[in-house]
Amino acid sequence: MSLLLTRALAGFIFIVLLFLSSTDVRAKNTLGLDDKPLRIAVASNFAPTLTKLLARFNLNQENFPKPIIIAASSGTLFLQIQHGASFDVFLSADTERPQLLTTADLAVKDSQQTYAYGALALWSAKKEITTDVLTALKNNQHRLAIANPKIAPYGKAAKQVLEHLQLWDSYKTRLIQGINIIQTFQQTRSQAVNLGIVSNSQLVLNHFKGVLIPSHFHQPIKQQLVILKRSKNIQQAQRFVSLLMSKQAQQFIAESGYAKLNGMKDEGNTSE
């Protein structure tokens, strides 16, 4: 009888310990302590700003332990998501692809929102531009670098700028079109092209000086995000989006060369 009681007591203790262990695991999961690193798919143009933003506002990695940033063109990331890539959040350079994911029920309902407005600048790596945008473009007798208007949001906006200034016809045969705004910046920086319409954020990031193109010269370059439905880190993703949309983070994004969400940036020269 004593042996039976001993075995029964041992079994009871094992069950209690197992219950306590599982309860502790559930508690950790509830707190998000055992979550996998947040995987953020981000358009290449915003990746440097996002990296700096997380370094500043997630310094101790309390909210997002070791987040993983996957940077590529919006189109490339979109295709990867369609084919099952395990991203948690998608930060696109446009509105079209987040909308397509929302329509296809691949994004969390009501998560689509604008996190940044892109801003354009006219820039030359050869010499400082000392005139307004119209005068500088009219006086330029060489080629002009822009992103491809057919596939790149910044390229589409650059074309609208030239059309607004009634210069599209004079430039369309001497354009050097990059596949995205990153390549356009590189082409201009290498001085392979005399002048380029680039992202203002790239100039701010590299401490270069250009002339900010007035926002009313083109349609807004809305950069939108979605939380992906297949994410296993929904709560962590929501905390990340809340951080990105916070007043402090939005101020940092504006200081990084993007237009403010509550109003486009003032016209004038970019900061060095």
Protein backbone atom coordinates (compact mmCIF):
# COMPACT_ATOMS: atom_id res chain seq x y z
CA MET A 1 0.00 0.00 0.00
CA SER A 2 2.85 2.35 0.82
CA LEU A 3 4.40 1.74 -2.61
CA LEU A 4 1.09 2.48 -4.34
CA LEU A 5 0.68 5.69 -2.40
CA THR A 6 4.22 6.75 -3.25
CA ARG A 7 3.60 6.13 -6.96
CA ALA A 8 0.29 7.98 -6.85
CA LEU A 9 1.88 10.93 -5.06
CA ALA A 10 4.74 11.05 -7.60
CA GLY A 11 2.24 11.01 -10.45
CA PHE A 12 0.24 13.83 -8.87
CA ILE A 13 3.37 15.96 -8.40
CA PHE A 14 4.37 15.38 -12.05
CA ILE A 15 0.94 16.50 -13.28
CA VAL A 16 1.07 19.63 -11.10
CA LEU A 17 4.53 20.53 -12.36
CA LEU A 18 3.45 19.95 -15.95
CA PHE A 19 0.41 22.21 -15.45
CA LEU A 20 2.51 24.94 -13.89
CA SER A 21 5.03 24.70 -16.71
CA SER A 22 2.36 24.98 -19.42
CA THR A 23 0.75 27.89 -17.56
CA ASP A 24 4.10 29.68 -17.46
CA VAL A 25 4.57 29.15 -21.21
CA ARG A 26 1.10 30.51 -21.93
CA ALA A 27 1.83 33.52 -19.75
CA LYS A 28 5.06 34.20 -21.62
CA ASN A 29 3.29 33.91 -24.95
CA THR A 30 0.56 36.27 -23.74
CA LEU A 31 3.23 38.81 -22.86
CA GLY A 32 4.90 38.32 -26.20
CA LEU A 33 8.15 37.18 -24.57
CA ASP A 34 8.45 34.09 -26.73
CA ASP A 35 7.46 35.77 -30.00
CA LYS A 36 9.73 35.29 -32.95
CA PRO A 37 11.57 38.37 -34.26
CA LEU A 38 9.29 40.72 -36.16
CA ARG A 39 9.91 40.39 -39.91
CA ILE A 40 9.39 43.74 -41.66
CA ALA A 41 9.31 43.85 -45.47
CA VAL A 42 10.12 47.42 -46.50
CA ALA A 43 10.54 49.32 -49.76
CA SER A 44 14.23 50.04 -50.40
CA ASN A 45 13.82 53.81 -50.26
CA PHE A 46 12.51 53.70 -46.68
CA ALA A 47 14.83 50.99 -45.33
CA PRO A 48 17.64 53.32 -44.14
CA THR A 49 15.15 55.56 -42.33
CA LEU A 50 13.45 52.55 -40.73
CA THR A 51 16.80 51.17 -39.55
CA LYS A 52 17.67 54.46 -37.87
CA LEU A 53 14.17 54.82 -36.44
CA LEU A 54 14.32 51.40 -34.78
CA ALA A 55 17.81 52.11 -33.47
CA ARG A 56 16.45 55.23 -31.76
CA PHE A 57 13.02 54.10 -30.55
CA ASN A 58 13.71 50.41 -29.96
CA LEU A 59 17.14 50.85 -28.41
CA ASN A 60 16.74 48.18 -25.73
CA GLN A 61 14.68 45.96 -28.04
CA GLU A 62 11.95 45.77 -25.42
CA ASN A 63 9.05 46.04 -27.87
CA PHE A 64 10.60 44.25 -30.84
CA PRO A 65 13.43 41.84 -29.97
CA LYS A 66 15.94 41.71 -32.84
CA PRO A 67 13.55 42.80 -35.63
CA ILE A 68 14.49 41.61 -39.10
CA ILE A 69 14.31 44.14 -41.96
CA ILE A 70 13.93 42.74 -45.47
CA ALA A 71 14.49 45.53 -48.02
CA ALA A 72 13.68 45.28 -51.73
CA SER A 73 11.51 46.97 -54.31
CA SER A 74 7.81 47.08 -53.46
CA GLY A 75 7.05 44.92 -56.49
CA THR A 76 9.52 42.23 -55.47
CA LEU A 77 8.23 42.10 -51.90
CA PHE A 78 4.64 42.03 -53.13
CA LEU A 79 5.35 38.97 -55.28
CA GLN A 80 7.09 37.24 -52.38
CA ILE A 81 4.08 37.87 -50.14
CA GLN A 82 1.75 36.47 -52.79
CA HIS A 83 3.88 33.32 -52.86
CA GLY A 84 3.75 32.84 -49.11
CA ALA A 85 6.75 34.74 -47.72
CA SER A 86 6.62 34.82 -43.92
CA PHE A 87 6.60 38.58 -43.34
CA ASP A 88 4.65 40.24 -40.55
CA VAL A 89 4.39 43.80 -41.87
CA PHE A 90 4.74 45.21 -45.39
CA LEU A 91 5.84 48.83 -45.86
CA SER A 92 5.32 49.64 -49.52
CA ALA A 93 6.39 52.70 -51.51
CA ASP A 94 2.90 53.01 -52.98
CA THR A 95 -0.79 52.45 -52.24
CA GLU A 96 -1.53 50.00 -55.03
CA ARG A 97 0.15 46.91 -53.62
CA PRO A 98 -1.17 47.24 -50.05
CA GLN A 99 -4.64 47.69 -51.55
CA LEU A 100 -4.22 44.55 -53.68
CA LEU A 101 -3.22 42.57 -50.58
CA THR A 102 -6.21 43.93 -48.68
CA THR A 103 -8.55 43.04 -51.54
CA ALA A 104 -7.07 39.53 -51.74
CA ASP A 105 -7.70 39.07 -47.99
CA LEU A 106 -3.96 38.69 -47.32
CA ALA A 107 -3.83 41.69 -45.00
CA VAL A 108 -5.37 42.25 -41.57
CA LYS A 109 -8.64 44.13 -41.89
CA ASP A 110 -8.31 47.92 -41.49
CA SER A 111 -4.52 47.76 -41.12
CA GLN A 112 -3.84 49.61 -44.39
CA GLN A 113 -2.66 53.15 -43.75
CA THR A 114 -0.22 55.81 -44.96
CA TYR A 115 2.99 55.92 -42.94
CA ALA A 116 4.95 58.42 -45.06
CA TYR A 117 4.73 60.78 -48.02
CA GLY A 118 7.67 60.73 -50.39
CA ALA A 119 9.27 64.03 -51.42
CA LEU A 120 11.22 64.77 -54.60
CA ALA A 121 14.30 66.94 -55.04
CA LEU A 122 16.31 68.14 -58.02
CA TRP A 123 19.99 67.38 -57.52
CA SER A 124 23.33 67.43 -59.29
CA ALA A 125 26.49 65.81 -57.95
CA LYS A 126 28.59 68.05 -60.20
CA LYS A 127 27.56 71.47 -58.94
CA GLU A 128 25.15 73.09 -56.53
CA ILE A 129 21.84 74.19 -57.99
CA THR A 130 21.36 77.88 -57.21
CA THR A 131 18.09 78.53 -59.07
CA ASP A 132 14.52 77.36 -58.75
CA VAL A 133 13.46 74.00 -60.20
CA LEU A 134 11.92 75.38 -63.42
CA THR A 135 14.95 77.51 -64.28
CA ALA A 136 17.39 74.71 -63.52
CA LEU A 137 15.50 72.25 -65.71
CA LYS A 138 15.09 74.75 -68.54
CA ASN A 139 18.80 75.58 -68.51
CA ASN A 140 19.89 71.95 -68.46
CA GLN A 141 20.97 70.84 -71.92
CA HIS A 142 22.06 67.38 -70.83
CA ARG A 143 20.29 64.19 -69.86
CA LEU A 144 18.05 63.89 -66.82
CA ALA A 145 17.79 60.90 -64.51
CA ILE A 146 14.39 59.83 -63.18
CA ALA A 147 12.93 56.54 -61.99
CA ASN A 148 10.88 54.63 -64.54
CA PRO A 149 7.38 56.21 -64.47
CA LYS A 150 5.76 52.94 -65.51
CA ILE A 151 6.91 50.91 -62.51
CA ALA A 152 8.22 53.29 -59.83
CA PRO A 153 6.00 55.63 -57.76
CA TYR A 154 8.77 58.23 -57.58
CA GLY A 155 9.22 57.98 -61.35
CA LYS A 156 5.54 58.55 -61.95
CA ALA A 157 5.71 61.65 -59.76
CA ALA A 158 8.84 62.87 -61.59
CA LYS A 159 7.00 62.63 -64.90
CA GLN A 160 4.12 64.63 -63.42
CA VAL A 161 6.62 67.32 -62.37
CA LEU A 162 7.93 67.63 -65.94
CA GLU A 163 4.39 67.71 -67.32
CA HIS A 164 3.39 70.36 -64.78
CA LEU A 165 6.33 72.51 -65.92
CA GLN A 166 5.52 71.75 -69.58
CA LEU A 167 8.94 70.20 -70.07
CA TRP A 168 8.02 66.56 -70.67
CA ASP A 169 8.21 66.76 -74.46
CA SER A 170 11.65 68.36 -74.38
CA TYR A 171 13.01 65.77 -71.94
CA LYS A 172 11.37 62.48 -72.90
CA THR A 173 14.08 61.62 -75.49
CA ARG A 174 16.97 62.34 -73.12
CA LEU A 175 15.84 60.64 -69.95
CA ILE A 176 17.89 58.03 -68.12
CA GLN A 177 15.34 55.89 -66.34
CA GLY A 178 16.34 53.82 -63.32
CA ILE A 179 14.34 50.78 -62.29
CA ASN A 180 13.68 52.51 -58.97
CA ILE A 181 14.54 55.72 -57.13
CA ILE A 182 17.61 54.12 -55.53
CA GLN A 183 19.17 53.44 -58.93
CA THR A 184 18.30 56.97 -60.10
CA PHE A 185 20.14 58.40 -57.10
CA GLN A 186 23.16 56.19 -57.82
CA GLN A 187 23.22 57.26 -61.47
CA THR A 188 23.20 60.91 -60.45
CA ARG A 189 25.70 60.44 -57.64
CA SER A 190 28.18 58.73 -59.98
CA GLN A 191 27.89 61.75 -62.30
CA ALA A 192 26.92 59.47 -65.16
CA VAL A 193 24.00 61.88 -65.48
CA ASN A 194 24.32 65.63 -64.95
CA LEU A 195 20.99 66.12 -63.19
CA GLY A 196 18.45 63.92 -61.46
CA ILE A 197 15.03 64.01 -59.85
CA VAL A 198 15.68 61.96 -56.73
CA SER A 199 14.13 61.23 -53.36
CA ASN A 200 14.70 64.02 -50.87
CA SER A 201 15.29 61.42 -48.15
CA GLN A 202 18.34 60.13 -50.01
CA LEU A 203 19.89 63.59 -49.97
CA VAL A 204 19.19 64.06 -46.26
CA LEU A 205 20.60 60.61 -45.48
CA ASN A 206 23.83 61.35 -47.34
CA HIS A 207 24.11 65.03 -46.28
CA PHE A 208 23.79 66.33 -49.84
CA LYS A 209 22.07 69.54 -50.85
CA GLY A 210 19.43 69.79 -53.55
CA VAL A 211 16.32 71.81 -54.31
CA LEU A 212 13.07 70.45 -52.91
CA ILE A 213 10.40 70.15 -55.59
CA PRO A 214 7.09 71.72 -54.49
CA SER A 215 4.59 69.02 -53.58
CA HIS A 216 1.84 70.53 -55.73
CA PHE A 217 3.92 69.79 -58.85
CA HIS A 218 2.87 66.14 -58.57
CA GLN A 219 0.32 63.86 -56.97
CA PRO A 220 1.15 62.78 -53.40
CA ILE A 221 3.60 59.89 -53.15
CA LYS A 222 1.71 57.92 -50.53
CA GLN A 223 3.65 55.10 -48.93
CA GLN A 224 1.30 52.68 -47.21
CA LEU A 225 1.63 49.65 -44.97
CA VAL A 226 -0.38 46.58 -44.06
CA ILE A 227 -0.09 43.92 -41.38
CA LEU A 228 -0.10 40.55 -43.10
CA LYS A 229 -2.81 38.11 -42.18
CA ARG A 230 -0.54 35.05 -42.02
CA SER A 231 1.67 36.73 -39.42
CA LYS A 232 2.21 34.80 -36.19
CA ASN A 233 3.20 38.06 -34.49
CA ILE A 234 0.06 40.14 -34.86
CA GLN A 235 0.35 41.84 -31.46
CA GLN A 236 4.00 42.68 -32.00
CA ALA A 237 3.16 43.95 -35.51
CA GLN A 238 0.45 46.17 -34.09
CA ARG A 239 2.90 47.60 -31.53
CA PHE A 240 5.32 48.32 -34.35
CA VAL A 241 2.68 50.15 -36.39
CA SER A 242 1.66 52.16 -33.32
CA LEU A 243 5.29 53.20 -32.88
CA LEU A 244 5.67 54.10 -36.57
CA MET A 245 2.54 56.27 -36.46
CA SER A 246 3.42 57.95 -33.16
CA LYS A 247 4.12 61.68 -33.06
CA GLN A 248 7.79 61.16 -32.21
CA ALA A 249 8.39 58.66 -35.01
CA GLN A 250 6.53 60.78 -37.56
CA GLN A 251 8.67 63.77 -36.61
CA PHE A 252 11.78 61.65 -37.13
CA ILE A 253 10.49 60.52 -40.55
CA ALA A 254 9.89 64.15 -41.57
CA GLU A 255 13.39 65.07 -40.42
CA SER A 256 14.67 62.23 -42.59
CA GLY A 257 13.45 63.92 -45.75
CA TYR A 258 9.84 62.81 -46.09
CA ALA A 259 6.82 65.07 -46.17
CA LYS A 260 4.75 65.35 -43.01
CA LEU A 261 1.51 63.39 -42.87
CA ASN A 262 -0.43 66.43 -41.70
CA GLY A 263 0.90 68.67 -44.45
CA MET A 264 3.55 68.65 -47.13
CA LYS A 265 6.95 70.12 -46.34
CA ASP A 266 7.71 73.75 -47.03
CA GLU A 267 9.41 74.56 -50.28
CA GLY A 268 13.12 75.40 -50.38
CA ASN A 269 16.51 73.78 -50.17
CA THR A 270 17.08 70.44 -48.50
CA SER A 271 19.17 70.31 -45.37
CA GLU A 272 22.80 69.40 -45.58
